Amino acid sequence: MSPEVTSFFDEDTFTAHYVVKDPNSNKCAIIDSVLDFDYAAGRTSTACADKVIAFVQENGLEVEWILETHVHADHLSAAPYIQQKLGGKIGIGENIRVVQDVFGKVFNEGTEFQRDGSQFDRLFQEGDSFHIGQMRGDVLHTPGHTPACLTYVIGDAAFVGDTLFMPDFGTARCDFPGGSAETLYESVQKILSLPDATRIYVGHDYKAEGRDHYAWETTVGDQKARNIHVAEGKSKADFVRMRTERDAKLAMPRLIVPSIQVNMRAGQMPKAEDNGTTYLKVPVNTL
């Protein structure tokens, strides 16, 4: 089956997010939603999520799933806000527990922060399936960028999160805790083993040099032919060397500190303190 995919793009965080509809019903899923966050002011807003919500409501759709491809380090998830407005179950990879354990220590979260993934409605593992109406989705575990990264294969479409970018931009960084260039290479090969006509929807785009527009849809065949990091003929050893050298020069994402604290809680903010205010921590000289 071929799902109906409507794309949204948040230029502030360069994030592509999606409404994926069963062509034979009004059922849909929302993938990698975005909550706006003004870091300097410490203030959230819902303009980005409200566009998705308006689209769903205007088209009479019913949300069954609110899916995360991984714990994002560059934007906050709007999953609980969307769930409150539209319903649906929030899902992520079962290795969220690994991420929660690592970053629970980084942010000194203490015993109140549960590290068992219980903040989410469903934890997926390799080989799991789910349905959007009559349409089946299959789960591929594609770690390397983070331990919990998933690719959702829904009909002839694959939602790869940050594992792959557009062919002229390459692949995701692997230097976050639990990341691995060797593992990412193997995960990419798993994605590229899908049929060549499979549509690939990426999680971000940054306009590769020489391209004057944003893009977020490609195909397996196009990735195999043109991806600057992993096209056919690129060896694993060369990829690992390139990725390791490149990652050593990259700065931390602008929103990594608030994003991880919120996203490892399924989009919820930390518990308010005794004055009624919620705080996000900044670990000094740690990340």
C-alpha atoms as a PDB file:
ATOM      1  CA  MET A   1       0.000   0.000   0.000  1.00  0.00           C
ATOM      2  CA  SER A   2       1.033   3.577  -0.556  1.00  0.00           C
ATOM      3  CA  PRO A   3       0.283   5.908   2.359  1.00  0.00           C
ATOM      4  CA  GLU A   4      -0.727   9.501   1.786  1.00  0.00           C
ATOM      5  CA  VAL A   5       2.097  11.572   3.277  1.00  0.00           C
ATOM      6  CA  THR A   6       1.725  15.267   4.090  1.00  0.00           C
ATOM      7  CA  SER A   7       4.975  16.974   5.011  1.00  0.00           C
ATOM      8  CA  PHE A   8       5.583  19.916   7.324  1.00  0.00           C
ATOM      9  CA  PHE A   9       8.911  21.706   7.741  1.00  0.00           C
ATOM     10  CA  ASP A  10      10.074  23.821  10.673  1.00  0.00           C
ATOM     11  CA  GLU A  11      12.769  26.109   9.328  1.00  0.00           C
ATOM     12  CA  ASP A  12      13.860  27.186  12.822  1.00  0.00           C
ATOM     13  CA  THR A  13      15.069  23.661  13.654  1.00  0.00           C
ATOM     14  CA  PHE A  14      15.307  22.369  10.061  1.00  0.00           C
ATOM     15  CA  THR A  15      12.931  19.550  11.049  1.00  0.00           C
ATOM     16  CA  ALA A  16      10.673  17.654   8.666  1.00  0.00           C
ATOM     17  CA  HIS A  17       7.635  16.064  10.294  1.00  0.00           C
ATOM     18  CA  TYR A  18       4.776  14.152   8.804  1.00  0.00           C
ATOM     19  CA  VAL A  19       1.131  13.145   8.806  1.00  0.00           C
ATOM     20  CA  VAL A  20       0.834   9.644   7.349  1.00  0.00           C
ATOM     21  CA  LYS A  21      -2.672   8.603   6.283  1.00  0.00           C
ATOM     22  CA  ASP A  22      -4.144   5.234   5.401  1.00  0.00           C
ATOM     23  CA  PRO A  23      -5.502   5.762   1.838  1.00  0.00           C
ATOM     24  CA  ASN A  24      -8.547   3.599   2.611  1.00  0.00           C
ATOM     25  CA  SER A  25      -9.710   5.302   5.812  1.00  0.00           C
ATOM     26  CA  ASN A  26      -9.419   8.495   7.839  1.00  0.00           C
ATOM     27  CA  LYS A  27      -6.804   6.970  10.181  1.00  0.00           C
ATOM     28  CA  CYS A  28      -3.371   8.567  10.408  1.00  0.00           C
ATOM     29  CA  ALA A  29      -0.115   8.804  12.325  1.00  0.00           C
ATOM     30  CA  ILE A  30       2.025  11.840  13.140  1.00  0.00           C
ATOM     31  CA  ILE A  31       5.798  11.371  13.003  1.00  0.00           C
ATOM     32  CA  ASP A  32       8.437  13.543  14.756  1.00  0.00           C
ATOM     33  CA  SER A  33       6.294  16.487  15.831  1.00  0.00           C
ATOM     34  CA  VAL A  34       7.825  19.816  16.886  1.00  0.00           C
ATOM     35  CA  LEU A  35       7.216  22.054  19.916  1.00  0.00           C
ATOM     36  CA  ASP A  36       8.536  25.590  19.396  1.00  0.00           C
ATOM     37  CA  PHE A  37      11.047  26.718  22.010  1.00  0.00           C
ATOM     38  CA  ASP A  38      12.632  30.137  22.501  1.00  0.00           C
ATOM     39  CA  TYR A  39      15.799  29.188  24.370  1.00  0.00           C
ATOM     40  CA  ALA A  40      16.742  32.725  25.385  1.00  0.00           C
ATOM     41  CA  ALA A  41      13.326  33.359  26.917  1.00  0.00           C
ATOM     42  CA  GLY A  42      12.800  29.811  28.191  1.00  0.00           C
ATOM     43  CA  ARG A  43       9.375  29.879  26.584  1.00  0.00           C
ATOM     44  CA  THR A  44       7.467  27.260  24.579  1.00  0.00           C
ATOM     45  CA  SER A  45       4.798  27.831  21.956  1.00  0.00           C
ATOM     46  CA  THR A  46       2.703  25.538  19.797  1.00  0.00           C
ATOM     47  CA  ALA A  47       2.586  27.286  16.396  1.00  0.00           C
ATOM     48  CA  CYS A  48       4.278  24.399  14.593  1.00  0.00           C
ATOM     49  CA  ALA A  49       2.159  21.692  16.213  1.00  0.00           C
ATOM     50  CA  ASP A  50      -1.001  23.735  15.694  1.00  0.00           C
ATOM     51  CA  LYS A  51      -0.474  23.627  11.922  1.00  0.00           C
ATOM     52  CA  VAL A  52      -0.430  19.832  12.082  1.00  0.00           C
ATOM     53  CA  ILE A  53      -3.460  19.757  14.361  1.00  0.00           C
ATOM     54  CA  ALA A  54      -5.376  22.097  12.042  1.00  0.00           C
ATOM     55  CA  PHE A  55      -4.576  19.882   9.055  1.00  0.00           C
ATOM     56  CA  VAL A  56      -5.794  16.780  10.878  1.00  0.00           C
ATOM     57  CA  GLN A  57      -9.014  18.451  12.007  1.00  0.00           C
ATOM     58  CA  GLU A  58      -9.773  20.135   8.677  1.00  0.00           C
ATOM     59  CA  ASN A  59      -9.459  16.807   6.877  1.00  0.00           C
ATOM     60  CA  GLY A  60     -11.485  14.828   9.414  1.00  0.00           C
ATOM     61  CA  LEU A  61      -8.604  12.519  10.295  1.00  0.00           C
ATOM     62  CA  GLU A  62      -8.282  10.305  13.362  1.00  0.00           C
ATOM     63  CA  VAL A  63      -4.830  10.009  14.928  1.00  0.00           C
ATOM     64  CA  GLU A  64      -3.905   6.490  15.992  1.00  0.00           C
ATOM     65  CA  TRP A  65      -0.165   6.983  16.543  1.00  0.00           C
ATOM     66  CA  ILE A  66       2.215   9.789  17.481  1.00  0.00           C
ATOM     67  CA  LEU A  67       5.585   8.291  16.601  1.00  0.00           C
ATOM     68  CA  GLU A  68       9.132   9.342  17.447  1.00  0.00           C
ATOM     69  CA  THR A  69      12.032   8.019  15.385  1.00  0.00           C
ATOM     70  CA  HIS A  70      14.403   8.697  18.321  1.00  0.00           C
ATOM     71  CA  VAL A  71      15.134  11.080  21.202  1.00  0.00           C
ATOM     72  CA  HIS A  72      15.814  14.229  19.214  1.00  0.00           C
ATOM     73  CA  ALA A  73      18.699  16.494  20.232  1.00  0.00           C
ATOM     74  CA  ASP A  74      17.713  19.439  18.057  1.00  0.00           C
ATOM     75  CA  HIS A  75      14.046  20.075  18.734  1.00  0.00           C
ATOM     76  CA  LEU A  76      11.441  19.442  21.425  1.00  0.00           C
ATOM     77  CA  SER A  77       8.642  16.976  20.771  1.00  0.00           C
ATOM     78  CA  ALA A  78       5.039  18.168  20.798  1.00  0.00           C
ATOM     79  CA  ALA A  79       3.724  14.621  21.316  1.00  0.00           C
ATOM     80  CA  PRO A  80       1.842  15.161  24.610  1.00  0.00           C
ATOM     81  CA  TYR A  81       0.283  18.398  23.370  1.00  0.00           C
ATOM     82  CA  ILE A  82      -0.917  16.714  20.181  1.00  0.00           C
ATOM     83  CA  GLN A  83      -2.130  13.694  22.138  1.00  0.00           C
ATOM     84  CA  GLN A  84      -4.173  15.968  24.389  1.00  0.00           C
ATOM     85  CA  LYS A  85      -5.777  17.618  21.351  1.00  0.00           C
ATOM     86  CA  LEU A  86      -6.187  14.637  19.031  1.00  0.00           C
ATOM     87  CA  GLY A  87      -5.587  11.379  20.922  1.00  0.00           C
ATOM     88  CA  GLY A  88      -3.321   8.597  19.693  1.00  0.00           C
ATOM     89  CA  LYS A  89      -0.591   6.500  21.296  1.00  0.00           C
ATOM     90  CA  ILE A  90       2.975   7.780  21.660  1.00  0.00           C
ATOM     91  CA  GLY A  91       5.588   5.301  20.462  1.00  0.00           C
ATOM     92  CA  ILE A  92       9.394   5.108  20.358  1.00  0.00           C
ATOM     93  CA  GLY A  93      12.117   2.429  20.291  1.00  0.00           C
ATOM     94  CA  GLU A  94      12.604   0.228  23.343  1.00  0.00           C
ATOM     95  CA  ASN A  95      16.210   1.419  23.653  1.00  0.00           C
ATOM     96  CA  ILE A  96      14.814   4.664  24.999  1.00  0.00           C
ATOM     97  CA  ARG A  97      15.698   2.986  28.295  1.00  0.00           C
ATOM     98  CA  VAL A  98      19.391   3.162  27.375  1.00  0.00           C
ATOM     99  CA  VAL A  99      19.076   6.850  26.505  1.00  0.00           C
ATOM    100  CA  GLN A 100      17.175   7.551  29.715  1.00  0.00           C
ATOM    101  CA  ASP A 101      19.835   5.813  31.770  1.00  0.00           C
ATOM    102  CA  VAL A 102      22.708   7.717  30.140  1.00  0.00           C
ATOM    103  CA  PHE A 103      21.108  11.147  30.237  1.00  0.00           C
ATOM    104  CA  GLY A 104      19.423  10.577  33.564  1.00  0.00           C
ATOM    105  CA  LYS A 105      22.970  10.530  34.929  1.00  0.00           C
ATOM    106  CA  VAL A 106      24.123  13.478  32.785  1.00  0.00           C
ATOM    107  CA  PHE A 107      21.297  15.638  34.161  1.00  0.00           C
ATOM    108  CA  ASN A 108      21.435  14.090  37.663  1.00  0.00           C
ATOM    109  CA  GLU A 109      17.731  13.317  37.527  1.00  0.00           C
ATOM    110  CA  GLY A 110      17.624  11.233  40.708  1.00  0.00           C
ATOM    111  CA  THR A 111      15.270   8.393  41.512  1.00  0.00           C
ATOM    112  CA  GLU A 112      12.060  10.243  40.597  1.00  0.00           C
ATOM    113  CA  PHE A 113      12.899  10.002  36.902  1.00  0.00           C
ATOM    114  CA  GLN A 114      11.815   6.592  35.659  1.00  0.00           C
ATOM    115  CA  ARG A 115      14.285   4.978  33.255  1.00  0.00           C
ATOM    116  CA  ASP A 116      11.995   2.190  32.041  1.00  0.00           C
ATOM    117  CA  GLY A 117      10.328   3.953  29.106  1.00  0.00           C
ATOM    118  CA  SER A 118       7.020   4.078  30.969  1.00  0.00           C
ATOM    119  CA  GLN A 119       6.438   7.679  29.847  1.00  0.00           C
ATOM    120  CA  PHE A 120       5.578   6.280  26.401  1.00  0.00           C
ATOM    121  CA  ASP A 121       2.523   4.250  25.400  1.00  0.00           C
ATOM    122  CA  ARG A 122       4.429   1.759  23.233  1.00  0.00           C
ATOM    123  CA  LEU A 123       8.053   0.710  23.028  1.00  0.00           C
ATOM    124  CA  PHE A 124       8.946  -0.847  19.675  1.00  0.00           C
ATOM    125  CA  GLN A 125      11.679  -3.327  18.840  1.00  0.00           C
ATOM    126  CA  GLU A 126      13.045  -4.770  15.613  1.00  0.00           C
ATOM    127  CA  GLY A 127      10.395  -6.748  13.761  1.00  0.00           C
ATOM    128  CA  ASP A 128       7.391  -5.232  15.524  1.00  0.00           C
ATOM    129  CA  SER A 129       4.426  -4.089  13.467  1.00  0.00           C
ATOM    130  CA  PHE A 130       1.497  -1.737  14.013  1.00  0.00           C
ATOM    131  CA  HIS A 131      -1.462  -0.552  12.005  1.00  0.00           C
ATOM    132  CA  ILE A 132      -2.784   2.783  10.816  1.00  0.00           C
ATOM    133  CA  GLY A 133      -6.307   1.863   9.859  1.00  0.00           C
ATOM    134  CA  GLN A 134      -5.874  -1.066   7.441  1.00  0.00           C
ATOM    135  CA  MET A 135      -2.285  -0.161   6.622  1.00  0.00           C
ATOM    136  CA  ARG A 136       0.555  -2.041   8.272  1.00  0.00           C
ATOM    137  CA  GLY A 137       3.732  -0.408   9.522  1.00  0.00           C
ATOM    138  CA  ASP A 138       6.916  -2.346  10.247  1.00  0.00           C
ATOM    139  CA  VAL A 139       9.697  -1.384  12.625  1.00  0.00           C
ATOM    140  CA  LEU A 140      13.403  -1.476  11.802  1.00  0.00           C
ATOM    141  CA  HIS A 141      15.895  -0.827  14.595  1.00  0.00           C
ATOM    142  CA  THR A 142      18.445   1.487  12.960  1.00  0.00           C
ATOM    143  CA  PRO A 143      20.840   2.687  15.699  1.00  0.00           C
ATOM    144  CA  GLY A 144      24.142   4.500  15.276  1.00  0.00           C
ATOM    145  CA  HIS A 145      23.034   8.111  15.574  1.00  0.00           C
ATOM    146  CA  THR A 146      21.486   7.132  18.926  1.00  0.00           C
ATOM    147  CA  PRO A 147      20.850   3.688  20.482  1.00  0.00           C
ATOM    148  CA  ALA A 148      17.075   4.073  20.168  1.00  0.00           C
ATOM    149  CA  CYS A 149      16.762   5.128  16.517  1.00  0.00           C
ATOM    150  CA  LEU A 150      13.989   3.450  14.522  1.00  0.00           C
ATOM    151  CA  THR A 151      12.890   3.491  10.909  1.00  0.00           C
ATOM    152  CA  TYR A 152       9.147   3.117  10.364  1.00  0.00           C
ATOM    153  CA  VAL A 153       8.361   1.350   7.075  1.00  0.00           C
ATOM    154  CA  ILE A 154       4.736   2.078   6.242  1.00  0.00           C
ATOM    155  CA  GLY A 155       3.668   0.640   2.910  1.00  0.00           C
ATOM    156  CA  ASP A 156       6.082   1.963   0.292  1.00  0.00           C
ATOM    157  CA  ALA A 157       7.383   4.759   2.555  1.00  0.00           C
ATOM    158  CA  ALA A 158      10.217   4.702   5.119  1.00  0.00           C
ATOM    159  CA  PHE A 159      10.587   7.360   7.815  1.00  0.00           C
ATOM    160  CA  VAL A 160      14.259   7.254   8.760  1.00  0.00           C
ATOM    161  CA  GLY A 161      14.600  10.091  11.291  1.00  0.00           C
ATOM    162  CA  ASP A 162      18.220  11.280  11.397  1.00  0.00           C
ATOM    163  CA  THR A 163      19.828   8.074  10.124  1.00  0.00           C
ATOM    164  CA  LEU A 164      19.950   9.309   6.525  1.00  0.00           C
ATOM    165  CA  PHE A 165      19.680  12.803   5.092  1.00  0.00           C
ATOM    166  CA  MET A 166      19.131  13.809   1.479  1.00  0.00           C
ATOM    167  CA  PRO A 167      21.709  12.183  -0.850  1.00  0.00           C
ATOM    168  CA  ASP A 168      23.660  15.429  -1.300  1.00  0.00           C
ATOM    169  CA  PHE A 169      23.977  15.864   2.490  1.00  0.00           C
ATOM    170  CA  GLY A 170      24.784  12.322   3.572  1.00  0.00           C
ATOM    171  CA  THR A 171      24.242  10.817   7.005  1.00  0.00           C
ATOM    172  CA  ALA A 172      23.770  11.684  10.668  1.00  0.00           C
ATOM    173  CA  ARG A 173      26.456  12.338  13.251  1.00  0.00           C
ATOM    174  CA  CYS A 174      27.444   9.484  15.559  1.00  0.00           C
ATOM    175  CA  ASP A 175      29.251  11.218  18.423  1.00  0.00           C
ATOM    176  CA  PHE A 176      26.395  11.434  20.927  1.00  0.00           C
ATOM    177  CA  PRO A 177      26.541   9.023  23.906  1.00  0.00           C
ATOM    178  CA  GLY A 178      25.741   5.545  22.610  1.00  0.00           C
ATOM    179  CA  GLY A 179      26.361   6.546  18.992  1.00  0.00           C
ATOM    180  CA  SER A 180      28.578   4.515  16.665  1.00  0.00           C
ATOM    181  CA  ALA A 181      29.706   5.082  13.083  1.00  0.00           C
ATOM    182  CA  GLU A 182      30.160   1.337  12.594  1.00  0.00           C
ATOM    183  CA  THR A 183      26.609   0.704  13.790  1.00  0.00           C
ATOM    184  CA  LEU A 184      25.189   3.521  11.676  1.00  0.00           C
ATOM    185  CA  TYR A 185      26.761   2.068   8.537  1.00  0.00           C
ATOM    186  CA  GLU A 186      25.067  -1.275   9.204  1.00  0.00           C
ATOM    187  CA  SER A 187      21.749   0.453   9.893  1.00  0.00           C
ATOM    188  CA  VAL A 188      21.968   2.338   6.614  1.00  0.00           C
ATOM    189  CA  GLN A 189      22.566  -0.925   4.761  1.00  0.00           C
ATOM    190  CA  LYS A 190      19.369  -2.279   6.320  1.00  0.00           C
ATOM    191  CA  ILE A 191      17.430   0.699   4.966  1.00  0.00           C
ATOM    192  CA  LEU A 192      19.082   0.442   1.550  1.00  0.00           C
ATOM    193  CA  SER A 193      18.050  -3.215   1.310  1.00  0.00           C
ATOM    194  CA  LEU A 194      14.431  -2.071   0.911  1.00  0.00           C
ATOM    195  CA  PRO A 195      13.066  -1.940  -2.659  1.00  0.00           C
ATOM    196  CA  ASP A 196      14.604   0.845  -4.749  1.00  0.00           C
ATOM    197  CA  ALA A 197      11.226   2.533  -5.252  1.00  0.00           C
ATOM    198  CA  THR A 198      10.656   2.896  -1.502  1.00  0.00           C
ATOM    199  CA  ARG A 199      10.093   6.538  -0.643  1.00  0.00           C
ATOM    200  CA  ILE A 200      12.452   7.793   2.069  1.00  0.00           C
ATOM    201  CA  TYR A 201      11.380  10.682   4.295  1.00  0.00           C
ATOM    202  CA  VAL A 202      14.229  12.223   6.273  1.00  0.00           C
ATOM    203  CA  GLY A 203      14.061  14.006   9.622  1.00  0.00           C
ATOM    204  CA  HIS A 204      16.034  17.131   8.734  1.00  0.00           C
ATOM    205  CA  ASP A 205      17.415  19.126   5.841  1.00  0.00           C
ATOM    206  CA  TYR A 206      20.029  21.875   5.874  1.00  0.00           C
ATOM    207  CA  LYS A 207      20.301  22.747   2.152  1.00  0.00           C
ATOM    208  CA  ALA A 208      23.445  21.066   0.884  1.00  0.00           C
ATOM    209  CA  GLU A 209      25.982  23.310  -0.785  1.00  0.00           C
ATOM    210  CA  GLY A 210      24.735  24.346  -4.212  1.00  0.00           C
ATOM    211  CA  ARG A 211      21.056  23.643  -3.430  1.00  0.00           C
ATOM    212  CA  ASP A 212      18.793  26.647  -2.868  1.00  0.00           C
ATOM    213  CA  HIS A 213      15.736  24.859  -1.457  1.00  0.00           C
ATOM    214  CA  TYR A 214      14.872  22.503   1.365  1.00  0.00           C
ATOM    215  CA  ALA A 215      14.074  18.884   0.525  1.00  0.00           C
ATOM    216  CA  TRP A 216      13.104  15.855   2.590  1.00  0.00           C
ATOM    217  CA  GLU A 217      11.817  13.144   0.223  1.00  0.00           C
ATOM    218  CA  THR A 218      14.006  10.785  -1.787  1.00  0.00           C
ATOM    219  CA  THR A 219      14.071   7.058  -2.602  1.00  0.00           C
ATOM    220  CA  VAL A 220      16.168   4.044  -1.709  1.00  0.00           C
ATOM    221  CA  GLY A 221      17.413   3.869  -5.287  1.00  0.00           C
ATOM    222  CA  ASP A 222      18.449   7.520  -5.242  1.00  0.00           C
ATOM    223  CA  GLN A 223      20.289   7.066  -1.955  1.00  0.00           C
ATOM    224  CA  LYS A 224      22.152   4.039  -3.293  1.00  0.00           C
ATOM    225  CA  ALA A 225      23.162   5.920  -6.418  1.00  0.00           C
ATOM    226  CA  ARG A 226      24.002   9.360  -5.037  1.00  0.00           C
ATOM    227  CA  ASN A 227      24.413   9.542  -1.256  1.00  0.00           C
ATOM    228  CA  ILE A 228      27.748  11.262  -0.713  1.00  0.00           C
ATOM    229  CA  HIS A 229      28.546   9.107   2.340  1.00  0.00           C
ATOM    230  CA  VAL A 230      27.022   5.673   1.691  1.00  0.00           C
ATOM    231  CA  ALA A 231      26.311   5.279  -2.035  1.00  0.00           C
ATOM    232  CA  GLU A 232      27.133   1.914  -3.575  1.00  0.00           C
ATOM    233  CA  GLY A 233      30.899   1.430  -3.657  1.00  0.00           C
ATOM    234  CA  LYS A 234      31.548   3.307  -0.391  1.00  0.00           C
ATOM    235  CA  SER A 235      33.273   0.963   2.052  1.00  0.00           C
ATOM    236  CA  LYS A 236      32.482   0.648   5.739  1.00  0.00           C
ATOM    237  CA  ALA A 237      36.063   1.536   6.669  1.00  0.00           C
ATOM    238  CA  ASP A 238      35.980   4.707   4.581  1.00  0.00           C
ATOM    239  CA  PHE A 239      32.620   5.670   6.045  1.00  0.00           C
ATOM    240  CA  VAL A 240      33.758   5.180   9.639  1.00  0.00           C
ATOM    241  CA  ARG A 241      36.897   7.209   9.031  1.00  0.00           C
ATOM    242  CA  MET A 242      34.976  10.026   7.333  1.00  0.00           C
ATOM    243  CA  ARG A 243      32.219  10.095   9.944  1.00  0.00           C
ATOM    244  CA  THR A 244      34.631  10.077  12.887  1.00  0.00           C
ATOM    245  CA  GLU A 245      36.736  12.920  11.460  1.00  0.00           C
ATOM    246  CA  ARG A 246      33.671  14.963  10.526  1.00  0.00           C
ATOM    247  CA  ASP A 247      31.928  14.510  13.869  1.00  0.00           C
ATOM    248  CA  ALA A 248      35.011  15.707  15.769  1.00  0.00           C
ATOM    249  CA  LYS A 249      34.542  19.128  14.154  1.00  0.00           C
ATOM    250  CA  LEU A 250      30.817  19.530  14.797  1.00  0.00           C
ATOM    251  CA  ALA A 251      29.400  21.786  17.503  1.00  0.00           C
ATOM    252  CA  MET A 252      26.641  20.569  19.794  1.00  0.00           C
ATOM    253  CA  PRO A 253      23.103  21.229  18.473  1.00  0.00           C
ATOM    254  CA  ARG A 254      21.693  24.552  19.663  1.00  0.00           C
ATOM    255  CA  LEU A 255      18.769  22.947  21.538  1.00  0.00           C
ATOM    256  CA  ILE A 256      20.401  19.746  22.766  1.00  0.00           C
ATOM    257  CA  VAL A 257      20.145  20.646  26.479  1.00  0.00           C
ATOM    258  CA  PRO A 258      16.385  21.313  26.597  1.00  0.00           C
ATOM    259  CA  SER A 259      15.542  18.793  23.869  1.00  0.00           C
ATOM    260  CA  ILE A 260      16.967  15.726  25.546  1.00  0.00           C
ATOM    261  CA  GLN A 261      15.540  16.551  28.970  1.00  0.00           C
ATOM    262  CA  VAL A 262      12.058  16.915  27.453  1.00  0.00           C
ATOM    263  CA  ASN A 263      12.162  14.225  24.771  1.00  0.00           C
ATOM    264  CA  MET A 264      13.397  11.450  27.054  1.00  0.00           C
ATOM    265  CA  ARG A 265      10.194  12.155  29.010  1.00  0.00           C
ATOM    266  CA  ALA A 266       8.011  11.654  25.904  1.00  0.00           C
ATOM    267  CA  GLY A 267       7.736  15.405  25.412  1.00  0.00           C
ATOM    268  CA  GLN A 268       6.840  16.239  28.997  1.00  0.00           C
ATOM    269  CA  MET A 269       8.659  18.925  30.959  1.00  0.00           C
ATOM    270  CA  PRO A 270      10.455  18.017  34.213  1.00  0.00           C
ATOM    271  CA  LYS A 271       8.283  18.202  37.308  1.00  0.00           C
ATOM    272  CA  ALA A 272       7.724  21.753  38.574  1.00  0.00           C
ATOM    273  CA  GLU A 273       9.625  22.708  41.716  1.00  0.00           C
ATOM    274  CA  ASP A 274       8.060  23.904  44.966  1.00  0.00           C
ATOM    275  CA  ASN A 275       7.609  27.441  43.612  1.00  0.00           C
ATOM    276  CA  GLY A 276       5.476  26.115  40.753  1.00  0.00           C
ATOM    277  CA  THR A 277       8.116  26.780  38.080  1.00  0.00           C
ATOM    278  CA  THR A 278       9.648  24.174  35.784  1.00  0.00           C
ATOM    279  CA  TYR A 279      13.421  24.307  35.268  1.00  0.00           C
ATOM    280  CA  LEU A 280      15.746  22.776  32.712  1.00  0.00           C
ATOM    281  CA  LYS A 281      19.319  22.074  33.794  1.00  0.00           C
ATOM    282  CA  VAL A 282      22.503  23.034  31.938  1.00  0.00           C
ATOM    283  CA  PRO A 283      25.330  20.623  32.762  1.00  0.00           C
ATOM    284  CA  VAL A 284      28.561  22.629  32.686  1.00  0.00           C
ATOM    285  CA  ASN A 285      31.580  21.154  30.871  1.00  0.00           C
ATOM    286  CA  THR A 286      29.823  17.809  30.473  1.00  0.00           C
ATOM    287  CA  LEU A 287      28.392  17.439  26.965  1.00  0.00           C
END
